[in-house]
PDB file of N, CA and C in Angstrom:
ATOM      1  N   UNK A   1      79.040  82.530 106.218  1.00  0.00           N
ATOM      2  CA  UNK A   1      79.264  83.621 105.460  1.00  0.00           C
ATOM      3  C   UNK A   1      80.326  84.561 105.938  1.00  0.00           C
ATOM      4  N   UNK A   2      82.072  83.841 105.767  1.00  0.00           N
ATOM      5  CA  UNK A   2      82.907  84.596 105.869  1.00  0.00           C
ATOM      6  C   UNK A   2      83.735  85.348 105.225  1.00  0.00           C
ATOM      7  N   UNK A   3      83.231  85.509 103.790  1.00  0.00           N
ATOM      8  CA  UNK A   3      84.161  86.581 103.245  1.00  0.00           C
ATOM      9  C   UNK A   3      83.038  87.420 102.283  1.00  0.00           C
ATOM     10  N   UNK A   4      83.436  88.232 102.025  1.00  0.00           N
ATOM     11  CA  UNK A   4      83.224  89.170 101.715  1.00  0.00           C
ATOM     12  C   UNK A   4      84.099  90.384 100.471  1.00  0.00           C
ATOM     13  N   UNK A   5      83.375  90.364  99.148  1.00  0.00           N
ATOM     14  CA  UNK A   5      83.700  91.094  98.247  1.00  0.00           C
ATOM     15  C   UNK A   5      83.884  92.390  98.126  1.00  0.00           C
ATOM     16  N   UNK A   6      84.929  93.128  97.642  1.00  0.00           N
ATOM     17  CA  UNK A   6      84.793  94.666  97.576  1.00  0.00           C
ATOM     18  C   UNK A   6      85.085  95.339  96.337  1.00  0.00           C
ATOM     19  N   UNK A   7      83.912  96.186  96.158  1.00  0.00           N
ATOM     20  CA  UNK A   7      84.704  96.862  94.592  1.00  0.00           C
ATOM     21  C   UNK A   7      84.741  98.418  94.432  1.00  0.00           C
ATOM     22  N   UNK A   8      85.598  98.930  94.731  1.00  0.00           N
ATOM     23  CA  UNK A   8      85.718 100.545  94.878  1.00  0.00           C
ATOM     24  C   UNK A   8      85.831 101.037  93.546  1.00  0.00           C
ATOM     25  N   UNK A   9      85.110 102.219  93.119  1.00  0.00           N
ATOM     26  CA  UNK A   9      85.015 102.821  92.145  1.00  0.00           C
ATOM     27  C   UNK A   9      84.470 104.407  92.232  1.00  0.00           C
ATOM     28  N   UNK A  10      85.911 105.638  91.944  1.00  0.00           N
ATOM     29  CA  UNK A  10      84.706 106.757  91.951  1.00  0.00           C
ATOM     30  C   UNK A  10      86.149 107.694  91.930  1.00  0.00           C
ATOM     31  N   UNK A  11      85.435 108.858  92.207  1.00  0.00           N
ATOM     32  CA  UNK A  11      86.628 110.106  92.196  1.00  0.00           C
ATOM     33  C   UNK A  11      87.912 110.397  93.397  1.00  0.00           C
ATOM     34  N   UNK A  12      88.548 110.778  93.219  1.00  0.00           N
ATOM     35  CA  UNK A  12      89.504 111.249  94.489  1.00  0.00           C
ATOM     36  C   UNK A  12      90.195 112.256  93.869  1.00  0.00           C
ATOM     37  N   UNK A  13      90.245 113.230  95.051  1.00  0.00           N
ATOM     38  CA  UNK A  13      91.209 114.512  95.195  1.00  0.00           C
ATOM     39  C   UNK A  13      92.055 114.359  96.292  1.00  0.00           C
ATOM     40  N   UNK A  14      92.945 115.163  95.585  1.00  0.00           N
ATOM     41  CA  UNK A  14      94.460 114.971  97.113  1.00  0.00           C
ATOM     42  C   UNK A  14      94.519 117.067  97.248  1.00  0.00           C
ATOM     43  N   UNK A  15      95.297 116.693  97.935  1.00  0.00           N
ATOM     44  CA  UNK A  15      95.371 118.491  98.365  1.00  0.00           C
ATOM     45  C   UNK A  15      97.292 118.224  98.572  1.00  0.00           C
ATOM     46  N   UNK A  16      98.052 118.747  98.087  1.00  0.00           N
ATOM     47  CA  UNK A  16      99.212 119.064  98.596  1.00  0.00           C
ATOM     48  C   UNK A  16      99.849 119.570 100.141  1.00  0.00           C
ATOM     49  N   UNK A  17      99.847 119.388 101.282  1.00  0.00           N
ATOM     50  CA  UNK A  17      99.919 120.393 102.102  1.00  0.00           C
ATOM     51  C   UNK A  17     101.646 120.790 102.511  1.00  0.00           C
ATOM     52  N   UNK A  18     102.566 119.838 102.427  1.00  0.00           N
ATOM     53  CA  UNK A  18     103.964 120.318 102.322  1.00  0.00           C
ATOM     54  C   UNK A  18     104.748 119.296 101.596  1.00  0.00           C
ATOM     55  N   UNK A  19     106.044 119.545 101.375  1.00  0.00           N
ATOM     56  CA  UNK A  19     106.696 118.697 100.425  1.00  0.00           C
ATOM     57  C   UNK A  19     108.543 119.191 101.129  1.00  0.00           C
ATOM     58  N   UNK A  20     109.132 118.459 100.711  1.00  0.00           N
ATOM     59  CA  UNK A  20     110.742 118.983 101.015  1.00  0.00           C
ATOM     60  C   UNK A  20     111.610 117.896  99.917  1.00  0.00           C
ATOM     61  N   UNK A  21     112.245 118.344  99.378  1.00  0.00           N
ATOM     62  CA  UNK A  21     113.497 117.426  98.495  1.00  0.00           C
ATOM     63  C   UNK A  21     115.079 117.618  98.816  1.00  0.00           C
ATOM     64  N   UNK A  22     115.368 116.852  98.644  1.00  0.00           N
ATOM     65  CA  UNK A  22     117.166 116.672  99.015  1.00  0.00           C
ATOM     66  C   UNK A  22     117.834 115.717  97.543  1.00  0.00           C
ATOM     67  N   UNK A  23     118.425 116.189  97.031  1.00  0.00           N
ATOM     68  CA  UNK A  23     119.196 115.616  95.840  1.00  0.00           C
ATOM     69  C   UNK A  23     120.427 115.098  96.260  1.00  0.00           C
ATOM     70  N   UNK A  24     120.996 113.943  95.950  1.00  0.00           N
ATOM     71  CA  UNK A  24     121.925 113.300  96.641  1.00  0.00           C
ATOM     72  C   UNK A  24     123.071 114.174  95.208  1.00  0.00           C
ATOM     73  N   UNK A  25     124.750 114.130  96.107  1.00  0.00           N
ATOM     74  CA  UNK A  25     125.524 114.707  95.233  1.00  0.00           C
ATOM     75  C   UNK A  25     125.969 114.205  94.046  1.00  0.00           C
ATOM     76  N   UNK A  26     126.122 112.817  94.260  1.00  0.00           N
ATOM     77  CA  UNK A  26     126.033 112.246  92.520  1.00  0.00           C
ATOM     78  C   UNK A  26     124.798 112.655  91.370  1.00  0.00           C
ATOM     79  N   UNK A  27     123.608 112.668  91.635  1.00  0.00           N
ATOM     80  CA  UNK A  27     122.842 113.072  91.183  1.00  0.00           C
ATOM     81  C   UNK A  27     122.906 114.625  90.541  1.00  0.00           C
ATOM     82  N   UNK A  28     123.316 115.370  91.422  1.00  0.00           N
ATOM     83  CA  UNK A  28     123.457 117.127  91.240  1.00  0.00           C
ATOM     84  C   UNK A  28     124.609 117.245  90.443  1.00  0.00           C
ATOM     85  N   UNK A  29     125.698 116.251  90.471  1.00  0.00           N
ATOM     86  CA  UNK A  29     127.054 116.034  89.710  1.00  0.00           C
ATOM     87  C   UNK A  29     126.654 115.831  88.245  1.00  0.00           C
ATOM     88  N   UNK A  30     126.087 114.388  88.406  1.00  0.00           N
ATOM     89  CA  UNK A  30     125.609 114.149  86.756  1.00  0.00           C
ATOM     90  C   UNK A  30     124.608 115.137  86.063  1.00  0.00           C
ATOM     91  N   UNK A  31     123.858 116.013  86.802  1.00  0.00           N
ATOM     92  CA  UNK A  31     123.098 117.085  86.288  1.00  0.00           C
ATOM     93  C   UNK A  31     123.582 118.264  85.935  1.00  0.00           C
ATOM     94  N   UNK A  32     124.617 118.422  86.702  1.00  0.00           N
ATOM     95  CA  UNK A  32     125.264 119.732  85.886  1.00  0.00           C
ATOM     96  C   UNK A  32     126.330 119.555  84.693  1.00  0.00           C
ATOM     97  N   UNK A  33     127.091 117.925  85.256  1.00  0.00           N
ATOM     98  CA  UNK A  33     127.982 118.140  83.737  1.00  0.00           C
ATOM     99  C   UNK A  33     127.171 117.979  82.315  1.00  0.00           C
ATOM    100  N   UNK A  34     125.904 117.361  83.250  1.00  0.00           N
ATOM    101  CA  UNK A  34     125.024 117.285  81.589  1.00  0.00           C
ATOM    102  C   UNK A  34     124.967 118.508  81.075  1.00  0.00           C
ATOM    103  N   UNK A  35     124.639 119.540  81.868  1.00  0.00           N
ATOM    104  CA  UNK A  35     124.132 121.019  81.409  1.00  0.00           C
ATOM    105  C   UNK A  35     125.549 121.902  80.706  1.00  0.00           C
ATOM    106  N   UNK A  36     126.668 121.058  81.574  1.00  0.00           N
ATOM    107  CA  UNK A  36     128.119 122.470  81.063  1.00  0.00           C
ATOM    108  C   UNK A  36     128.047 121.305  79.340  1.00  0.00           C
ATOM    109  N   UNK A  37     128.025 120.078  78.978  1.00  0.00           N
ATOM    110  CA  UNK A  37     128.206 119.351  77.486  1.00  0.00           C
ATOM    111  C   UNK A  37     127.096 120.013  76.850  1.00  0.00           C
ATOM    112  N   UNK A  38     125.896 120.820  77.426  1.00  0.00           N
ATOM    113  CA  UNK A  38     124.496 121.129  76.717  1.00  0.00           C
ATOM    114  C   UNK A  38     123.731 122.442  77.014  1.00  0.00           C
ATOM    115  N   UNK A  39     124.490 123.605  77.001  1.00  0.00           N
ATOM    116  CA  UNK A  39     123.666 124.141  77.819  1.00  0.00           C
ATOM    117  C   UNK A  39     121.657 124.668  77.480  1.00  0.00           C
ATOM    118  N   UNK A  40     121.880 124.128  76.615  1.00  0.00           N
ATOM    119  CA  UNK A  40     120.135 124.547  75.724  1.00  0.00           C
ATOM    120  C   UNK A  40     119.545 122.769  76.217  1.00  0.00           C
ATOM    121  N   UNK A  41     120.370 121.843  76.929  1.00  0.00           N
ATOM    122  CA  UNK A  41     119.398 120.603  77.539  1.00  0.00           C
ATOM    123  C   UNK A  41     118.759 120.889  78.352  1.00  0.00           C
ATOM    124  N   UNK A  42     117.592 119.981  78.731  1.00  0.00           N
ATOM    125  CA  UNK A  42     116.415 120.603  79.219  1.00  0.00           C
ATOM    126  C   UNK A  42     117.095 119.658  80.725  1.00  0.00           C
ATOM    127  N   UNK A  43     117.709 119.064  81.115  1.00  0.00           N
ATOM    128  CA  UNK A  43     118.037 117.958  82.069  1.00  0.00           C
ATOM    129  C   UNK A  43     117.617 118.448  83.628  1.00  0.00           C
ATOM    130  N   UNK A  44     116.946 117.375  84.274  1.00  0.00           N
ATOM    131  CA  UNK A  44     116.542 117.552  85.452  1.00  0.00           C
ATOM    132  C   UNK A  44     115.483 118.603  85.905  1.00  0.00           C
ATOM    133  N   UNK A  45     114.806 119.486  84.873  1.00  0.00           N
ATOM    134  CA  UNK A  45     113.485 120.043  85.227  1.00  0.00           C
ATOM    135  C   UNK A  45     112.697 120.215  86.467  1.00  0.00           C
ATOM    136  N   UNK A  46     112.374 117.912  86.427  1.00  0.00           N
ATOM    137  CA  UNK A  46     111.656 117.786  87.366  1.00  0.00           C
ATOM    138  C   UNK A  46     112.219 117.928  88.786  1.00  0.00           C
ATOM    139  N   UNK A  47     113.428 118.346  88.819  1.00  0.00           N
ATOM    140  CA  UNK A  47     113.977 119.020  90.314  1.00  0.00           C
ATOM    141  C   UNK A  47     113.624 120.413  90.594  1.00  0.00           C
ATOM    142  N   UNK A  48     113.530 121.183  89.903  1.00  0.00           N
ATOM    143  CA  UNK A  48     113.429 122.277  89.180  1.00  0.00           C
ATOM    144  C   UNK A  48     112.187 122.598  89.976  1.00  0.00           C
ATOM    145  N   UNK A  49     111.282 122.700  88.831  1.00  0.00           N
ATOM    146  CA  UNK A  49     110.117 122.639  88.672  1.00  0.00           C
ATOM    147  C   UNK A  49     109.127 122.665  90.258  1.00  0.00           C
ATOM    148  N   UNK A  50     108.535 123.595  90.597  1.00  0.00           N
ATOM    149  CA  UNK A  50     107.343 123.321  91.685  1.00  0.00           C
ATOM    150  C   UNK A  50     105.969 122.533  91.380  1.00  0.00           C
ATOM    151  N   UNK A  51     105.701 121.693  91.526  1.00  0.00           N
ATOM    152  CA  UNK A  51     104.659 120.935  91.773  1.00  0.00           C
ATOM    153  C   UNK A  51     103.483 121.304  91.971  1.00  0.00           C
ATOM    154  N   UNK A  52     102.106 121.308  91.213  1.00  0.00           N
ATOM    155  CA  UNK A  52     100.922 121.912  91.700  1.00  0.00           C
ATOM    156  C   UNK A  52     100.179 121.283  93.215  1.00  0.00           C
ATOM    157  N   UNK A  53      99.701 121.991  93.706  1.00  0.00           N
ATOM    158  CA  UNK A  53      99.297 121.626  95.209  1.00  0.00           C
ATOM    159  C   UNK A  53      97.846 120.989  95.043  1.00  0.00           C
ATOM    160  N   UNK A  54      96.954 120.827  94.115  1.00  0.00           N
ATOM    161  CA  UNK A  54      95.590 119.743  93.801  1.00  0.00           C
ATOM    162  C   UNK A  54      96.077 119.416  92.903  1.00  0.00           C
ATOM    163  N   UNK A  55      95.381 117.864  93.124  1.00  0.00           N
ATOM    164  CA  UNK A  55      95.765 116.871  92.409  1.00  0.00           C
ATOM    165  C   UNK A  55      93.996 115.981  92.258  1.00  0.00           C
ATOM    166  N   UNK A  56      93.470 115.584  91.247  1.00  0.00           N
ATOM    167  CA  UNK A  56      92.020 114.858  90.893  1.00  0.00           C
ATOM    168  C   UNK A  56      92.356 113.880  89.925  1.00  0.00           C
ATOM    169  N   UNK A  57      91.408 113.198  90.003  1.00  0.00           N
ATOM    170  CA  UNK A  57      91.512 111.706  89.244  1.00  0.00           C
ATOM    171  C   UNK A  57      90.246 110.697  89.567  1.00  0.00           C
ATOM    172  N   UNK A  58      90.359 109.940  89.044  1.00  0.00           N
ATOM    173  CA  UNK A  58      89.940 108.611  88.793  1.00  0.00           C
ATOM    174  C   UNK A  58      90.417 107.251  89.894  1.00  0.00           C
ATOM    175  N   UNK A  59      89.646 106.838  90.540  1.00  0.00           N
ATOM    176  CA  UNK A  59      90.368 105.429  91.330  1.00  0.00           C
ATOM    177  C   UNK A  59      89.094 104.515  91.209  1.00  0.00           C
ATOM    178  N   UNK A  60      89.546 102.832  90.747  1.00  0.00           N
ATOM    179  CA  UNK A  60      89.156 101.792  90.923  1.00  0.00           C
ATOM    180  C   UNK A  60      89.988 100.721  91.597  1.00  0.00           C
ATOM    181  N   UNK A  61      89.082 100.083  92.422  1.00  0.00           N
ATOM    182  CA  UNK A  61      89.808  98.817  92.990  1.00  0.00           C
ATOM    183  C   UNK A  61      88.797  97.556  93.354  1.00  0.00           C
ATOM    184  N   UNK A  62      89.723  96.156  93.808  1.00  0.00           N
ATOM    185  CA  UNK A  62      89.043  95.334  93.893  1.00  0.00           C
ATOM    186  C   UNK A  62      89.692  94.512  95.244  1.00  0.00           C
ATOM    187  N   UNK A  63      89.250  93.989  96.330  1.00  0.00           N
ATOM    188  CA  UNK A  63      89.277  92.973  97.144  1.00  0.00           C
ATOM    189  C   UNK A  63      88.679  91.874  98.127  1.00  0.00           C
ATOM    190  N   UNK A  64      88.989  91.651  99.082  1.00  0.00           N
ATOM    191  CA  UNK A  64      88.149  90.630  99.820  1.00  0.00           C
ATOM    192  C   UNK A  64      88.552  90.919 100.904  1.00  0.00           C
ATOM    193  N   UNK A  65      87.333  90.299 102.163  1.00  0.00           N
ATOM    194  CA  UNK A  65      87.671  90.479 103.588  1.00  0.00           C
ATOM    195  C   UNK A  65      87.186  89.169 103.765  1.00  0.00           C
ATOM    196  N   UNK A  66      87.864  88.774 105.036  1.00  0.00           N
ATOM    197  CA  UNK A  66      87.910  87.143 105.676  1.00  0.00           C
ATOM    198  C   UNK A  66      87.594  87.916 106.954  1.00  0.00           C
ATOM    199  N   UNK A  67      86.340  87.062 107.608  1.00  0.00           N
ATOM    200  CA  UNK A  67      86.157  87.133 108.846  1.00  0.00           C
ATOM    201  C   UNK A  67      86.796  85.555 109.756  1.00  0.00           C
ATOM    202  N   UNK A  68      87.465  86.416 110.885  1.00  0.00           N
ATOM    203  CA  UNK A  68      87.915  85.050 111.470  1.00  0.00           C
ATOM    204  C   UNK A  68      87.444  85.245 112.869  1.00  0.00           C
ATOM    205  N   UNK A  69      87.691  84.653 113.403  1.00  0.00           N
ATOM    206  CA  UNK A  69      87.316  84.494 115.332  1.00  0.00           C
ATOM    207  C   UNK A  69      88.431  85.694 115.926  1.00  0.00           C
ATOM    208  N   UNK A  70      89.302  85.792 115.658  1.00  0.00           N
ATOM    209  CA  UNK A  70      90.285  86.818 116.258  1.00  0.00           C
ATOM    210  C   UNK A  70      90.108  88.056 115.694  1.00  0.00           C
ATOM    211  N   UNK A  71      89.474  88.500 114.485  1.00  0.00           N
ATOM    212  CA  UNK A  71      89.627  89.550 113.775  1.00  0.00           C
ATOM    213  C   UNK A  71      89.107  89.271 112.273  1.00  0.00           C
ATOM    214  N   UNK A  72      89.516  90.447 111.145  1.00  0.00           N
ATOM    215  CA  UNK A  72      89.149  90.496 110.290  1.00  0.00           C
ATOM    216  C   UNK A  72      90.372  91.062 109.335  1.00  0.00           C
ATOM    217  N   UNK A  73      90.406  90.209 108.208  1.00  0.00           N
ATOM    218  CA  UNK A  73      91.894  90.383 106.926  1.00  0.00           C
ATOM    219  C   UNK A  73      91.278  90.668 105.994  1.00  0.00           C
ATOM    220  N   UNK A  74      91.879  91.933 105.313  1.00  0.00           N
ATOM    221  CA  UNK A  74      91.177  92.283 104.239  1.00  0.00           C
ATOM    222  C   UNK A  74      92.378  92.984 103.298  1.00  0.00           C
ATOM    223  N   UNK A  75      92.132  92.500 101.882  1.00  0.00           N
ATOM    224  CA  UNK A  75      92.934  92.512 101.038  1.00  0.00           C
ATOM    225  C   UNK A  75      92.656  92.798  99.660  1.00  0.00           C
ATOM    226  N   UNK A  76      93.270  94.152  99.333  1.00  0.00           N
ATOM    227  CA  UNK A  76      92.602  95.329  98.376  1.00  0.00           C
ATOM    228  C   UNK A  76      94.096  95.478  97.420  1.00  0.00           C
ATOM    229  N   UNK A  77      93.354  95.615  95.735  1.00  0.00           N
ATOM    230  CA  UNK A  77      94.156  96.643  95.413  1.00  0.00           C
ATOM    231  C   UNK A  77      93.690  97.155  94.600  1.00  0.00           C
ATOM    232  N   UNK A  78      94.543  98.791  94.284  1.00  0.00           N
ATOM    233  CA  UNK A  78      93.446  99.761  93.587  1.00  0.00           C
ATOM    234  C   UNK A  78      94.714 100.492  92.701  1.00  0.00           C
ATOM    235  N   UNK A  79      94.121 101.112  91.399  1.00  0.00           N
ATOM    236  CA  UNK A  79      94.342 102.080  90.766  1.00  0.00           C
ATOM    237  C   UNK A  79      94.052 103.200  90.486  1.00  0.00           C
ATOM    238  N   UNK A  80      94.685 104.442  90.444  1.00  0.00           N
ATOM    239  CA  UNK A  80      94.815 105.990  90.250  1.00  0.00           C
ATOM    240  C   UNK A  80      94.962 106.245  89.096  1.00  0.00           C
ATOM    241  N   UNK A  81      94.321 106.761  88.405  1.00  0.00           N
ATOM    242  CA  UNK A  81      94.766 107.375  86.913  1.00  0.00           C
ATOM    243  C   UNK A  81      94.223 108.849  87.330  1.00  0.00           C
ATOM    244  N   UNK A  82      95.138 109.733  87.606  1.00  0.00           N
ATOM    245  CA  UNK A  82      95.058 111.092  87.736  1.00  0.00           C
ATOM    246  C   UNK A  82      94.586 111.488  86.159  1.00  0.00           C
ATOM    247  N   UNK A  83      93.937 112.798  86.434  1.00  0.00           N
ATOM    248  CA  UNK A  83      93.582 113.468  85.496  1.00  0.00           C
ATOM    249  C   UNK A  83      94.092 114.929  85.421  1.00  0.00           C
ATOM    250  N   UNK A  84      94.738 115.514  86.189  1.00  0.00           N
ATOM    251  CA  UNK A  84      95.308 116.671  86.456  1.00  0.00           C
ATOM    252  C   UNK A  84      97.184 116.552  86.296  1.00  0.00           C
ATOM    253  N   UNK A  85      97.450 117.226  85.944  1.00  0.00           N
ATOM    254  CA  UNK A  85      99.122 117.234  85.917  1.00  0.00           C
ATOM    255  C   UNK A  85      99.782 117.955  86.635  1.00  0.00           C
ATOM    256  N   UNK A  86     100.930 117.501  87.214  1.00  0.00           N
ATOM    257  CA  UNK A  86     102.236 117.380  88.420  1.00  0.00           C
ATOM    258  C   UNK A  86     102.575 118.687  88.354  1.00  0.00           C
ATOM    259  N   UNK A  87     102.984 119.539  86.836  1.00  0.00           N
ATOM    260  CA  UNK A  87     103.750 120.279  86.592  1.00  0.00           C
ATOM    261  C   UNK A  87     102.890 121.131  85.441  1.00  0.00           C
ATOM    262  N   UNK A  88     103.623 121.647  84.957  1.00  0.00           N
ATOM    263  CA  UNK A  88     102.490 122.962  83.987  1.00  0.00           C
ATOM    264  C   UNK A  88     102.833 122.237  82.764  1.00  0.00           C
ATOM    265  N   UNK A  89     102.418 122.094  81.524  1.00  0.00           N
ATOM    266  CA  UNK A  89     102.988 121.320  80.393  1.00  0.00           C
ATOM    267  C   UNK A  89     102.119 121.664  79.169  1.00  0.00           C
ATOM    268  N   UNK A  90     101.726 122.884  79.718  1.00  0.00           N
ATOM    269  CA  UNK A  90     100.990 123.938  78.304  1.00  0.00           C
ATOM    270  C   UNK A  90     102.239 124.322  77.419  1.00  0.00           C
ATOM    271  N   UNK A  91     101.659 123.785  76.251  1.00  0.00           N
ATOM    272  CA  UNK A  91     102.987 124.314  75.063  1.00  0.00           C
ATOM    273  C   UNK A  91     102.771 125.891  74.398  1.00  0.00           C
ATOM    274  N   UNK A  92     102.280 126.645  75.336  1.00  0.00           N
ATOM    275  CA  UNK A  92     102.012 127.931  74.680  1.00  0.00           C
ATOM    276  C   UNK A  92     102.852 128.783  75.810  1.00  0.00           C
ATOM    277  N   UNK A  93     103.109 128.113  76.801  1.00  0.00           N
ATOM    278  CA  UNK A  93     104.210 128.597  77.959  1.00  0.00           C
ATOM    279  C   UNK A  93     105.784 127.896  77.586  1.00  0.00           C
ATOM    280  N   UNK A  94     106.738 129.885  77.550  1.00  0.00           N
ATOM    281  CA  UNK A  94     107.827 129.893  77.289  1.00  0.00           C
ATOM    282  C   UNK A  94     109.091 128.579  77.327  1.00  0.00           C
ATOM    283  N   UNK A  95     108.565 128.074  78.996  1.00  0.00           N
ATOM    284  CA  UNK A  95     109.250 126.957  79.615  1.00  0.00           C
ATOM    285  C   UNK A  95     108.246 125.970  79.540  1.00  0.00           C
ATOM    286  N   UNK A  96     108.450 125.101  78.467  1.00  0.00           N
ATOM    287  CA  UNK A  96     107.540 123.932  78.268  1.00  0.00           C
ATOM    288  C   UNK A  96     108.417 122.561  78.588  1.00  0.00           C
ATOM    289  N   UNK A  97     108.357 122.033  79.585  1.00  0.00           N
ATOM    290  CA  UNK A  97     109.463 120.923  79.603  1.00  0.00           C
ATOM    291  C   UNK A  97     108.599 119.576  79.362  1.00  0.00           C
ATOM    292  N   UNK A  98     107.189 119.810  80.220  1.00  0.00           N
ATOM    293  CA  UNK A  98     106.616 118.217  80.135  1.00  0.00           C
ATOM    294  C   UNK A  98     105.506 117.888  79.458  1.00  0.00           C
ATOM    295  N   UNK A  99     105.231 116.720  78.270  1.00  0.00           N
ATOM    296  CA  UNK A  99     104.001 116.396  77.609  1.00  0.00           C
ATOM    297  C   UNK A  99     102.858 116.140  78.385  1.00  0.00           C
ATOM    298  N   UNK A 100     103.122 115.437  79.184  1.00  0.00           N
ATOM    299  CA  UNK A 100     102.302 114.709  80.467  1.00  0.00           C
ATOM    300  C   UNK A 100     102.624 114.548  81.705  1.00  0.00           C
ATOM    301  N   UNK A 101     102.541 114.969  82.570  1.00  0.00           N
ATOM    302  CA  UNK A 101     103.045 114.493  83.969  1.00  0.00           C
ATOM    303  C   UNK A 101     102.043 113.956  85.256  1.00  0.00           C
ATOM    304  N   UNK A 102     100.800 113.504  84.894  1.00  0.00           N
ATOM    305  CA  UNK A 102      99.892 113.092  85.664  1.00  0.00           C
ATOM    306  C   UNK A 102     100.262 111.595  86.892  1.00  0.00           C
ATOM    307  N   UNK A 103      99.439 111.611  87.544  1.00  0.00           N
ATOM    308  CA  UNK A 103      99.837 110.112  88.516  1.00  0.00           C
ATOM    309  C   UNK A 103      99.534 108.876  87.892  1.00  0.00           C
ATOM    310  N   UNK A 104      99.719 107.924  88.054  1.00  0.00           N
ATOM    311  CA  UNK A 104      99.601 106.901  87.503  1.00  0.00           C
ATOM    312  C   UNK A 104      99.987 105.755  89.126  1.00  0.00           C
ATOM    313  N   UNK A 105      98.983 105.466  89.619  1.00  0.00           N
ATOM    314  CA  UNK A 105      99.376 104.785  91.126  1.00  0.00           C
ATOM    315  C   UNK A 105      99.031 103.278  91.052  1.00  0.00           C
ATOM    316  N   UNK A 106      99.451 102.334  90.895  1.00  0.00           N
ATOM    317  CA  UNK A 106      99.138 100.728  91.185  1.00  0.00           C
ATOM    318  C   UNK A 106      99.556 100.956  93.375  1.00  0.00           C
ATOM    319  N   UNK A 107      98.533 100.589  94.109  1.00  0.00           N
ATOM    320  CA  UNK A 107      99.020 100.377  95.366  1.00  0.00           C
ATOM    321  C   UNK A 107      98.132  99.317  95.875  1.00  0.00           C
ATOM    322  N   UNK A 108      98.318  98.234  96.982  1.00  0.00           N
ATOM    323  CA  UNK A 108      98.351  97.208  97.273  1.00  0.00           C
ATOM    324  C   UNK A 108      97.992  97.455  98.708  1.00  0.00           C
ATOM    325  N   UNK A 109      96.922  97.016  99.311  1.00  0.00           N
ATOM    326  CA  UNK A 109      96.524  96.802 101.010  1.00  0.00           C
ATOM    327  C   UNK A 109      96.171  95.741 101.686  1.00  0.00           C
ATOM    328  N   UNK A 110      97.126  95.644 102.692  1.00  0.00           N
ATOM    329  CA  UNK A 110      96.992  94.105 103.615  1.00  0.00           C
ATOM    330  C   UNK A 110      96.517  94.825 105.245  1.00  0.00           C
ATOM    331  N   UNK A 111      95.220  94.741 105.454  1.00  0.00           N
ATOM    332  CA  UNK A 111      94.893  95.238 106.810  1.00  0.00           C
ATOM    333  C   UNK A 111      94.354  94.072 107.704  1.00  0.00           C
ATOM    334  N   UNK A 112      94.760  94.146 109.238  1.00  0.00           N
ATOM    335  CA  UNK A 112      93.904  93.022 109.951  1.00  0.00           C
ATOM    336  C   UNK A 112      93.300  93.728 110.872  1.00  0.00           C
ATOM    337  N   UNK A 113      92.069  93.650 110.960  1.00  0.00           N
ATOM    338  CA  UNK A 113      91.154  94.324 112.094  1.00  0.00           C
ATOM    339  C   UNK A 113      90.766  93.694 113.587  1.00  0.00           C
ATOM    340  N   UNK A 114      91.756  93.712 114.406  1.00  0.00           N
ATOM    341  CA  UNK A 114      91.529  93.269 115.471  1.00  0.00           C
ATOM    342  C   UNK A 114      89.670  93.462 116.223  1.00  0.00           C
ATOM    343  N   UNK A 115      89.280  92.740 116.890  1.00  0.00           N
ATOM    344  CA  UNK A 115      87.861  92.461 117.520  1.00  0.00           C
ATOM    345  C   UNK A 115      87.858  93.106 118.760  1.00  0.00           C
ATOM    346  N   UNK A 116      87.623  94.032 119.112  1.00  0.00           N
ATOM    347  CA  UNK A 116      87.253  94.813 120.380  1.00  0.00           C
ATOM    348  C   UNK A 116      85.903  94.359 121.196  1.00  0.00           C
ATOM    349  N   UNK A 117      86.100  93.976 122.384  1.00  0.00           N
ATOM    350  CA  UNK A 117      85.177  93.648 123.309  1.00  0.00           C
ATOM    351  C   UNK A 117      84.507  94.630 124.335  1.00  0.00           C
TER     352      UNK A 117
END
């Protein structure tokens, strides 16, 4: 019995400990030019607004583990469906820019576990 199948499902919580950002000059110039053309345009707002520090959602995935003589190999795929928004999006706010800004993440994992004797 060298193969084991894995099923994951449940909640996930996330907390932002820190962040930094950097915008290259070409993107900065492009945003400035578009704002100059139309001062009312809401261009580049995702670079100005601060993200929320707490995230929550649902995660599910499947995978398999293969046991070998030298160690174990694990292959897994997951999908995260964020329920909380990254940015403020209430239509009652004066500066409303985003309709929905939740995370949607597909991830794959390949692991190798060495046997330690």
